[in-house]
Amino acid sequence: MPKPTPVTPDAPARIRTPLLTQEWLDLTFVHWAVAPDVVAGLLPEGTVPDTHDGLTYVGLVAFRMHRVGWLRLPGVPYLGTFPETNVRLYSVDAHGRRGVVFRSMDAARLIPVVMGRVGFRLPYLWSRMAVRTAGDTVTYTSSRRWPGPRGAYSRITVRRGERISEPTELEHFLTARWGMHNAFFGGPEPLAYLPNHHPRWPLYRAELLTCEENLVTAAGLPAPSGAPASVLYSPGVPVLLGRPARPAGIPTP
């Protein structure tokens, strides 16, 4: 693998013709540090764990997806707006592109779940979910419906703290991820990279008040041990998603 591209707080390239538009709102990022060999076998062929100071991370990210839209069409208010909670890992490919790999993506709307599974081969799962805000606290709940394991759940409550004026290198590493790796295509080389573009994250310190979940173990990972290495909150950003690029970096037709 070549040397990974530098971590940058701003997107490295514009997306001139977006495949999807959306907003990610009221996000909480909870991360645990793990040794790279713990997750290496769970990444797509053609990627290895991305590391910071010798460690990689398991992320539990809860948020509200808002008004998903195709191309530059207006986002859909109901079907395109729903709570989502992801379990994700950190990857780098043979081109040095840093990204994320989703192990599970619980979402509250069945039609987007089916479209994500069939159209993008992403691990979307239909769950009963809610996001509730009270003052400076936010609570995210989910209970899985389909396809399973049925009943996999999470309850996360955080208290938002002060705005971060200068994020640390680790905080940039965990949040400034400008694409995802996934097997979008069939064939002998299925790995592809789907880029995203959004403004620099507005990040806040956050205190984890409650974290009761089994989504991490349901995603095939060891249960988190000890306190998280990082807990962050963001009010959110507007996002453009580009077209998946095949391993050679050639966009699909």
Protein backbone atom coordinates (compact mmCIF):
# COMPACT_ATOMS: atom_id res chain seq x y z
CA MET A 1 0.00 0.00 0.00
CA PRO A 2 1.30 3.50 -0.79
CA LYS A 3 1.55 6.20 1.82
CA PRO A 4 -1.97 7.49 2.67
CA THR A 5 -2.91 10.94 1.48
CA PRO A 6 -2.70 13.61 4.20
CA VAL A 7 -5.67 14.11 6.52
CA THR A 8 -7.23 17.43 5.57
CA PRO A 9 -10.09 19.22 7.39
CA ASP A 10 -11.40 20.48 4.04
CA ALA A 11 -12.52 18.27 1.16
CA PRO A 12 -9.62 17.68 -1.26
CA ALA A 13 -11.72 18.02 -4.43
CA ARG A 14 -15.06 19.40 -5.55
CA ILE A 15 -17.85 17.16 -6.79
CA ARG A 16 -19.16 18.85 -9.92
CA THR A 17 -21.96 16.37 -10.70
CA PRO A 18 -23.29 14.89 -7.46
CA LEU A 19 -25.02 11.55 -7.44
CA LEU A 20 -26.81 12.38 -4.16
CA THR A 21 -27.38 15.46 -2.01
CA GLN A 22 -28.30 15.35 1.69
CA GLU A 23 -27.70 16.91 5.08
CA TRP A 24 -26.21 15.18 8.11
CA LEU A 25 -27.61 16.84 11.26
CA ASP A 26 -27.22 16.51 15.05
CA LEU A 27 -24.31 14.08 14.85
CA THR A 28 -22.63 12.36 17.75
CA PHE A 29 -19.32 10.56 17.11
CA VAL A 30 -18.29 7.95 19.71
CA HIS A 31 -14.95 6.21 19.06
CA TRP A 32 -12.96 3.42 20.68
CA ALA A 33 -9.32 2.71 19.83
CA VAL A 34 -8.40 -0.83 18.73
CA ALA A 35 -5.35 -2.58 17.35
CA PRO A 36 -5.41 -2.72 13.53
CA ASP A 37 -5.34 -6.54 13.45
CA VAL A 38 -8.66 -6.61 15.33
CA VAL A 39 -10.51 -5.12 12.34
CA ALA A 40 -8.29 -5.99 9.36
CA GLY A 41 -10.31 -9.09 8.46
CA LEU A 42 -13.56 -7.06 8.36
CA LEU A 43 -12.42 -4.63 5.65
CA PRO A 44 -13.01 -5.12 1.91
CA GLU A 45 -10.24 -6.75 -0.10
CA GLY A 46 -7.97 -4.03 -1.40
CA THR A 47 -8.04 -1.96 1.80
CA VAL A 48 -6.17 -2.05 5.11
CA PRO A 49 -6.93 -0.33 8.42
CA ASP A 50 -6.13 3.37 8.47
CA THR A 51 -4.19 4.24 11.60
CA HIS A 52 -3.27 7.21 13.76
CA ASP A 53 -0.25 6.73 16.02
CA GLY A 54 -0.42 2.98 15.44
CA LEU A 55 -4.09 2.55 16.34
CA THR A 56 -7.30 2.39 14.36
CA TYR A 57 -10.82 3.10 15.59
CA VAL A 58 -14.34 1.70 15.79
CA GLY A 59 -16.90 4.47 15.35
CA LEU A 60 -20.51 4.58 16.52
CA VAL A 61 -22.07 7.57 14.77
CA ALA A 62 -25.68 8.64 15.40
CA PHE A 63 -27.37 11.45 13.49
CA ARG A 64 -30.36 12.66 11.46
CA MET A 65 -30.30 12.20 7.72
CA HIS A 66 -32.18 15.13 6.16
CA ARG A 67 -33.72 15.51 2.70
CA VAL A 68 -31.81 13.00 0.59
CA GLY A 69 -32.08 13.92 -3.08
CA TRP A 70 -30.84 12.57 -6.41
CA LEU A 71 -28.44 14.64 -8.52
CA ARG A 72 -29.28 18.30 -7.79
CA LEU A 73 -33.02 17.72 -7.41
CA PRO A 74 -34.66 18.96 -4.19
CA GLY A 75 -34.31 16.54 -1.29
CA VAL A 76 -37.26 14.36 -0.33
CA PRO A 77 -38.85 15.64 2.92
CA TYR A 78 -40.30 12.38 4.33
CA LEU A 79 -38.64 9.36 2.74
CA GLY A 80 -35.34 11.25 2.61
CA THR A 81 -35.43 12.36 6.26
CA PHE A 82 -34.82 9.87 9.07
CA PRO A 83 -32.57 8.98 12.04
CA GLU A 84 -29.54 6.80 11.30
CA THR A 85 -26.87 5.14 13.43
CA ASN A 86 -23.73 3.64 11.87
CA VAL A 87 -20.95 1.35 13.03
CA ARG A 88 -17.90 2.18 10.93
CA LEU A 89 -14.21 1.42 10.51
CA TYR A 90 -11.36 3.39 8.93
CA SER A 91 -9.68 2.26 5.74
CA VAL A 92 -7.03 3.16 3.16
CA ASP A 93 -6.74 1.69 -0.34
CA ALA A 94 -3.99 1.04 -2.87
CA HIS A 95 -4.28 4.63 -4.16
CA GLY A 96 -3.70 6.02 -0.67
CA ARG A 97 -7.33 7.20 -0.44
CA ARG A 98 -8.55 7.34 3.14
CA GLY A 99 -12.17 6.37 3.76
CA VAL A 100 -14.67 4.65 5.98
CA VAL A 101 -16.13 1.16 5.81
CA PHE A 102 -19.62 0.72 7.19
CA ARG A 103 -20.28 -2.46 9.13
CA SER A 104 -23.92 -1.55 9.83
CA MET A 105 -26.23 1.35 8.98
CA ASP A 106 -29.46 1.36 11.00
CA ALA A 107 -32.09 3.68 9.52
CA ALA A 108 -35.75 4.38 10.24
CA ARG A 109 -37.21 4.36 6.68
CA LEU A 110 -37.76 1.02 4.96
CA ILE A 111 -37.67 2.25 1.33
CA PRO A 112 -34.24 3.98 1.67
CA VAL A 113 -32.98 0.87 3.48
CA VAL A 114 -34.02 -1.37 0.59
CA MET A 115 -32.60 1.08 -1.99
CA GLY A 116 -29.30 1.29 -0.10
CA ARG A 117 -29.00 -2.49 0.14
CA VAL A 118 -30.01 -3.25 -3.45
CA GLY A 119 -28.66 -0.21 -5.30
CA PHE A 120 -25.41 0.38 -3.39
CA ARG A 121 -24.81 -2.95 -1.60
CA LEU A 122 -24.54 -1.06 1.69
CA PRO A 123 -25.34 -2.77 5.03
CA TYR A 124 -28.53 -0.80 5.69
CA LEU A 125 -30.92 -2.19 8.31
CA TRP A 126 -34.46 -1.13 9.12
CA SER A 127 -34.89 -0.02 12.74
CA ARG A 128 -37.32 1.79 14.99
CA MET A 129 -35.45 4.99 15.86
CA ALA A 130 -35.77 8.43 17.44
CA VAL A 131 -33.62 11.51 18.07
CA ARG A 132 -34.72 13.76 20.95
CA THR A 133 -33.15 17.05 22.03
CA ALA A 134 -33.62 18.68 25.44
CA GLY A 135 -31.54 21.78 26.05
CA ASP A 136 -27.91 20.81 25.52
CA THR A 137 -28.53 17.04 25.58
CA VAL A 138 -29.36 14.77 22.65
CA THR A 139 -30.66 11.18 22.92
CA TYR A 140 -30.60 8.68 20.07
CA THR A 141 -32.48 5.37 20.32
CA SER A 142 -32.75 2.46 17.90
CA SER A 143 -34.18 -1.06 17.89
CA ARG A 144 -33.58 -3.22 14.82
CA ARG A 145 -36.51 -4.66 12.85
CA TRP A 146 -35.05 -6.19 9.69
CA PRO A 147 -33.12 -8.11 8.52
CA GLY A 148 -31.37 -8.74 11.82
CA PRO A 149 -30.12 -9.62 14.26
CA ARG A 150 -33.59 -8.51 15.26
CA GLY A 151 -33.61 -6.48 18.47
CA ALA A 152 -30.07 -5.13 18.13
CA TYR A 153 -30.32 -1.79 19.87
CA SER A 154 -28.66 1.40 21.01
CA ARG A 155 -29.41 4.23 23.43
CA ILE A 156 -26.92 7.09 23.35
CA THR A 157 -27.23 10.35 25.27
CA VAL A 158 -24.67 13.15 25.10
CA ARG A 159 -24.38 16.62 26.57
CA ARG A 160 -22.95 19.16 24.14
CA GLY A 161 -20.01 21.15 25.46
CA GLU A 162 -17.86 23.98 24.11
CA ARG A 163 -17.11 24.63 20.44
CA ILE A 164 -13.71 23.30 19.35
CA SER A 165 -11.76 26.09 17.70
CA GLU A 166 -8.75 23.95 16.75
CA PRO A 167 -9.52 20.21 16.46
CA THR A 168 -6.67 17.84 17.28
CA GLU A 169 -5.02 15.63 14.65
CA LEU A 170 -7.03 12.70 15.99
CA GLU A 171 -10.31 14.64 15.79
CA HIS A 172 -9.62 15.49 12.16
CA PHE A 173 -8.63 11.86 11.48
CA LEU A 174 -11.95 10.58 12.87
CA THR A 175 -14.25 13.10 11.18
CA ALA A 176 -12.59 14.43 8.01
CA ARG A 177 -13.23 11.33 5.89
CA TRP A 178 -13.82 12.19 2.26
CA GLY A 179 -15.13 8.89 0.93
CA MET A 180 -16.28 5.36 1.64
CA HIS A 181 -14.92 2.02 0.48
CA ASN A 182 -17.48 -0.60 -0.48
CA ALA A 183 -18.10 -3.43 -2.93
CA PHE A 184 -20.54 -1.43 -5.06
CA PHE A 185 -19.92 -3.61 -8.12
CA GLY A 186 -19.72 -7.31 -8.88
CA GLY A 187 -16.85 -9.06 -10.61
CA PRO A 188 -13.31 -10.01 -9.58
CA GLU A 189 -12.42 -6.46 -8.40
CA PRO A 190 -15.53 -5.22 -6.63
CA LEU A 191 -13.93 -2.57 -4.44
CA ALA A 192 -14.88 1.01 -5.24
CA TYR A 193 -14.61 4.42 -3.61
CA LEU A 194 -17.51 6.85 -3.27
CA PRO A 195 -16.32 10.42 -2.54
CA ASN A 196 -18.15 13.05 -0.53
CA HIS A 197 -17.82 16.81 -0.15
CA HIS A 198 -19.04 19.10 2.61
CA PRO A 199 -17.92 22.18 4.54
CA ARG A 200 -15.46 21.82 7.38
CA TRP A 201 -17.09 20.18 10.39
CA PRO A 202 -18.27 22.46 13.21
CA LEU A 203 -17.24 20.30 16.18
CA TYR A 204 -18.07 20.46 19.88
CA ARG A 205 -16.79 18.60 22.90
CA ALA A 206 -19.41 16.19 24.23
CA GLU A 207 -19.96 14.27 27.45
CA LEU A 208 -21.28 10.74 27.02
CA LEU A 209 -24.07 10.38 29.58
CA THR A 210 -25.51 7.04 28.36
CA CYS A 211 -24.21 4.43 25.95
CA GLU A 212 -26.16 1.20 26.06
CA GLU A 213 -25.83 -0.75 22.83
CA ASN A 214 -25.02 -4.01 21.13
CA LEU A 215 -24.71 -2.66 17.58
CA VAL A 216 -20.92 -2.98 17.70
CA THR A 217 -20.97 -6.70 18.52
CA ALA A 218 -23.87 -7.27 16.08
CA ALA A 219 -21.53 -5.81 13.42
CA GLY A 220 -18.97 -8.56 14.12
CA LEU A 221 -16.64 -6.52 16.34
CA PRO A 222 -15.53 -7.14 19.91
CA ALA A 223 -17.58 -5.32 22.56
CA PRO A 224 -16.01 -1.95 23.45
CA SER A 225 -13.94 -2.09 26.61
CA GLY A 226 -13.32 0.98 28.70
CA ALA A 227 -14.21 4.58 28.05
CA PRO A 228 -14.30 5.91 24.48
CA ALA A 229 -11.17 7.58 23.19
CA SER A 230 -13.25 10.43 21.70
CA VAL A 231 -16.80 11.79 21.97
CA LEU A 232 -17.75 14.67 19.67
CA TYR A 233 -20.92 16.46 18.60
CA SER A 234 -21.69 18.47 15.46
CA PRO A 235 -24.86 20.34 14.47
CA GLY A 236 -24.20 19.09 10.94
CA VAL A 237 -23.27 19.91 7.36
CA PRO A 238 -24.78 19.79 3.84
CA VAL A 239 -23.25 16.97 1.81
CA LEU A 240 -22.67 16.01 -1.82
CA LEU A 241 -21.91 12.40 -2.74
CA GLY A 242 -20.11 11.66 -5.99
CA ARG A 243 -20.27 8.62 -8.24
CA PRO A 244 -18.43 5.46 -7.13
CA ALA A 245 -14.99 5.08 -8.72
CA ARG A 246 -13.65 1.63 -9.58
CA PRO A 247 -10.28 0.49 -8.21
CA ALA A 248 -8.39 2.14 -11.10
CA GLY A 249 -9.97 5.45 -10.15
CA ILE A 250 -12.16 5.56 -13.27
CA PRO A 251 -15.72 6.78 -12.51
CA THR A 252 -18.57 4.55 -13.57
CA PRO A 253 -20.45 5.47 -16.77
